[in-house]
N, C-alpha and C. Protein backbone atom coordinates (compact mmCIF):
# COMPACT_ATOMS: atom_id res chain seq x y z
N MET A 1 3.90 4.55 31.53
CA MET A 1 4.50 5.46 32.46
C MET A 1 5.07 4.71 33.67
N ASN A 2 5.39 3.50 33.43
CA ASN A 2 5.95 2.66 34.48
C ASN A 2 7.30 3.23 34.92
N GLY A 3 7.48 3.39 36.23
CA GLY A 3 8.73 3.90 36.74
C GLY A 3 8.86 5.41 36.74
N VAL A 4 7.79 6.10 36.43
CA VAL A 4 7.81 7.56 36.39
C VAL A 4 7.62 8.12 37.79
N ASP A 5 8.41 9.11 38.13
CA ASP A 5 8.25 9.82 39.40
C ASP A 5 7.13 10.85 39.21
N PRO A 6 5.96 10.65 39.85
CA PRO A 6 4.83 11.55 39.60
C PRO A 6 5.13 13.00 39.96
N TYR A 7 5.87 13.23 41.02
CA TYR A 7 6.23 14.60 41.40
C TYR A 7 7.03 15.27 40.28
N ALA A 8 8.06 14.58 39.81
CA ALA A 8 8.93 15.14 38.78
C ALA A 8 8.16 15.36 37.48
N TYR A 9 7.33 14.40 37.12
CA TYR A 9 6.58 14.55 35.86
C TYR A 9 5.62 15.72 35.93
N LEU A 10 4.89 15.85 37.04
CA LEU A 10 3.94 16.96 37.16
C LEU A 10 4.67 18.30 37.18
N GLN A 11 5.83 18.35 37.80
CA GLN A 11 6.61 19.58 37.80
C GLN A 11 7.10 19.90 36.38
N GLN A 12 7.54 18.90 35.67
CA GLN A 12 7.99 19.09 34.30
C GLN A 12 6.86 19.64 33.44
N VAL A 13 5.68 19.06 33.56
CA VAL A 13 4.54 19.52 32.78
C VAL A 13 4.18 20.95 33.16
N SER A 14 4.16 21.25 34.44
CA SER A 14 3.77 22.60 34.87
C SER A 14 4.75 23.65 34.36
N THR A 15 6.03 23.31 34.24
CA THR A 15 6.99 24.29 33.72
C THR A 15 6.92 24.42 32.21
N GLN A 16 6.31 23.45 31.54
CA GLN A 16 6.22 23.49 30.08
C GLN A 16 4.85 23.94 29.57
N LEU A 17 3.94 24.28 30.47
CA LEU A 17 2.59 24.63 30.04
C LEU A 17 2.58 25.76 29.01
N ASP A 18 3.39 26.78 29.21
CA ASP A 18 3.39 27.91 28.29
C ASP A 18 3.84 27.54 26.89
N SER A 19 4.64 26.50 26.76
CA SER A 19 5.12 26.10 25.45
C SER A 19 4.14 25.19 24.71
N LEU A 20 3.09 24.76 25.39
CA LEU A 20 2.09 23.90 24.74
C LEU A 20 1.06 24.78 24.04
N THR A 21 1.18 24.87 22.72
CA THR A 21 0.30 25.76 21.97
C THR A 21 -0.54 25.03 20.93
N GLN A 22 -0.10 23.86 20.51
CA GLN A 22 -0.82 23.09 19.51
C GLN A 22 -1.80 22.13 20.19
N ALA A 23 -2.99 22.01 19.62
CA ALA A 23 -4.01 21.13 20.20
C ALA A 23 -3.49 19.70 20.37
N GLU A 24 -2.74 19.22 19.40
CA GLU A 24 -2.21 17.85 19.46
C GLU A 24 -1.26 17.68 20.65
N GLN A 25 -0.40 18.66 20.87
CA GLN A 25 0.53 18.63 22.01
C GLN A 25 -0.25 18.61 23.32
N ILE A 26 -1.22 19.50 23.42
CA ILE A 26 -2.01 19.62 24.65
C ILE A 26 -2.75 18.33 24.92
N GLU A 27 -3.36 17.75 23.89
CA GLU A 27 -4.10 16.50 24.06
C GLU A 27 -3.20 15.38 24.56
N THR A 28 -2.00 15.28 24.01
CA THR A 28 -1.06 14.24 24.41
C THR A 28 -0.70 14.37 25.88
N VAL A 29 -0.34 15.58 26.28
CA VAL A 29 0.06 15.80 27.68
C VAL A 29 -1.14 15.60 28.60
N LEU A 30 -2.31 16.07 28.17
CA LEU A 30 -3.52 15.89 28.97
C LEU A 30 -3.81 14.41 29.18
N ASP A 31 -3.70 13.62 28.14
CA ASP A 31 -3.91 12.17 28.26
C ASP A 31 -2.93 11.57 29.27
N GLU A 32 -1.67 11.99 29.19
CA GLU A 32 -0.66 11.45 30.10
C GLU A 32 -0.93 11.83 31.55
N VAL A 33 -1.31 13.10 31.78
CA VAL A 33 -1.57 13.55 33.14
C VAL A 33 -2.84 12.91 33.69
N GLU A 34 -3.86 12.75 32.84
CA GLU A 34 -5.09 12.08 33.30
C GLU A 34 -4.81 10.62 33.65
N TYR A 35 -3.96 9.96 32.87
CA TYR A 35 -3.58 8.59 33.20
C TYR A 35 -2.83 8.56 34.53
N LEU A 36 -1.88 9.46 34.69
CA LEU A 36 -1.13 9.53 35.93
C LEU A 36 -2.07 9.76 37.11
N PHE A 37 -3.05 10.63 36.93
CA PHE A 37 -4.03 10.92 37.98
C PHE A 37 -4.72 9.64 38.44
N GLU A 38 -5.02 8.76 37.50
CA GLU A 38 -5.73 7.52 37.82
C GLU A 38 -4.87 6.51 38.58
N VAL A 39 -3.56 6.57 38.37
CA VAL A 39 -2.71 5.54 38.97
C VAL A 39 -1.94 6.00 40.21
N ILE A 40 -1.91 7.31 40.46
CA ILE A 40 -1.21 7.77 41.66
C ILE A 40 -2.12 7.66 42.87
N PRO A 41 -1.54 7.59 44.04
CA PRO A 41 -2.36 7.51 45.26
C PRO A 41 -3.26 8.75 45.40
N PRO A 42 -4.43 8.56 45.99
CA PRO A 42 -5.38 9.68 46.14
C PRO A 42 -4.78 10.90 46.83
N GLU A 43 -3.85 10.70 47.73
CA GLU A 43 -3.28 11.85 48.44
C GLU A 43 -2.37 12.70 47.54
N LEU A 44 -2.04 12.21 46.36
CA LEU A 44 -1.24 12.98 45.41
C LEU A 44 -2.08 13.59 44.29
N GLN A 45 -3.32 13.17 44.18
CA GLN A 45 -4.14 13.61 43.06
C GLN A 45 -4.37 15.12 43.05
N HIS A 46 -4.36 15.74 44.21
CA HIS A 46 -4.58 17.19 44.25
C HIS A 46 -3.47 17.95 43.53
N LEU A 47 -2.31 17.33 43.35
CA LEU A 47 -1.22 17.96 42.62
C LEU A 47 -1.48 17.99 41.12
N ALA A 48 -2.20 17.00 40.64
CA ALA A 48 -2.48 16.91 39.21
C ALA A 48 -3.72 17.69 38.79
N GLU A 49 -4.65 17.90 39.70
CA GLU A 49 -5.92 18.54 39.34
C GLU A 49 -5.77 19.91 38.69
N PRO A 50 -4.97 20.83 39.24
CA PRO A 50 -4.85 22.14 38.58
C PRO A 50 -4.20 22.06 37.21
N ILE A 51 -3.30 21.12 37.02
CA ILE A 51 -2.66 20.95 35.72
C ILE A 51 -3.67 20.44 34.71
N ILE A 52 -4.48 19.48 35.11
CA ILE A 52 -5.53 18.95 34.23
C ILE A 52 -6.50 20.06 33.85
N GLU A 53 -6.91 20.86 34.82
CA GLU A 53 -7.84 21.97 34.53
C GLU A 53 -7.23 22.95 33.54
N GLU A 54 -5.96 23.30 33.74
CA GLU A 54 -5.30 24.25 32.83
C GLU A 54 -5.15 23.66 31.43
N LEU A 55 -4.80 22.39 31.34
CA LEU A 55 -4.69 21.76 30.02
C LEU A 55 -6.04 21.72 29.32
N ARG A 56 -7.09 21.42 30.04
CA ARG A 56 -8.43 21.40 29.43
C ARG A 56 -8.84 22.79 28.97
N ARG A 57 -8.49 23.81 29.77
CA ARG A 57 -8.81 25.19 29.39
C ARG A 57 -8.07 25.57 28.13
N ARG A 58 -6.80 25.24 28.07
CA ARG A 58 -5.98 25.55 26.88
C ARG A 58 -6.49 24.81 25.65
N LEU A 59 -6.88 23.57 25.84
CA LEU A 59 -7.38 22.79 24.72
C LEU A 59 -8.68 23.39 24.19
N ALA A 60 -9.57 23.76 25.07
CA ALA A 60 -10.83 24.36 24.65
C ALA A 60 -10.59 25.68 23.92
N ALA A 61 -9.65 26.47 24.39
CA ALA A 61 -9.34 27.75 23.77
C ALA A 61 -8.65 27.57 22.43
N ASN A 62 -8.01 26.43 22.25
CA ASN A 62 -7.24 26.16 21.03
C ASN A 62 -8.11 25.59 19.91
N ARG A 63 -9.30 25.20 20.23
CA ARG A 63 -10.17 24.58 19.21
C ARG A 63 -11.07 25.59 18.57
């Protein structure tokens, strides 16, 4: 994810949440957002937290 704009990526994911219906899709995006969470500055992490929570909820409901 080198060179990725974290704001733009998180916005893109948040607008696509409703289209993520397959467990494999959700897992992929969740992995990407969790990785982004680890590498972005702490002051930006609060932007990723609700997306991670929603992806985890969707994944649990999908299994």
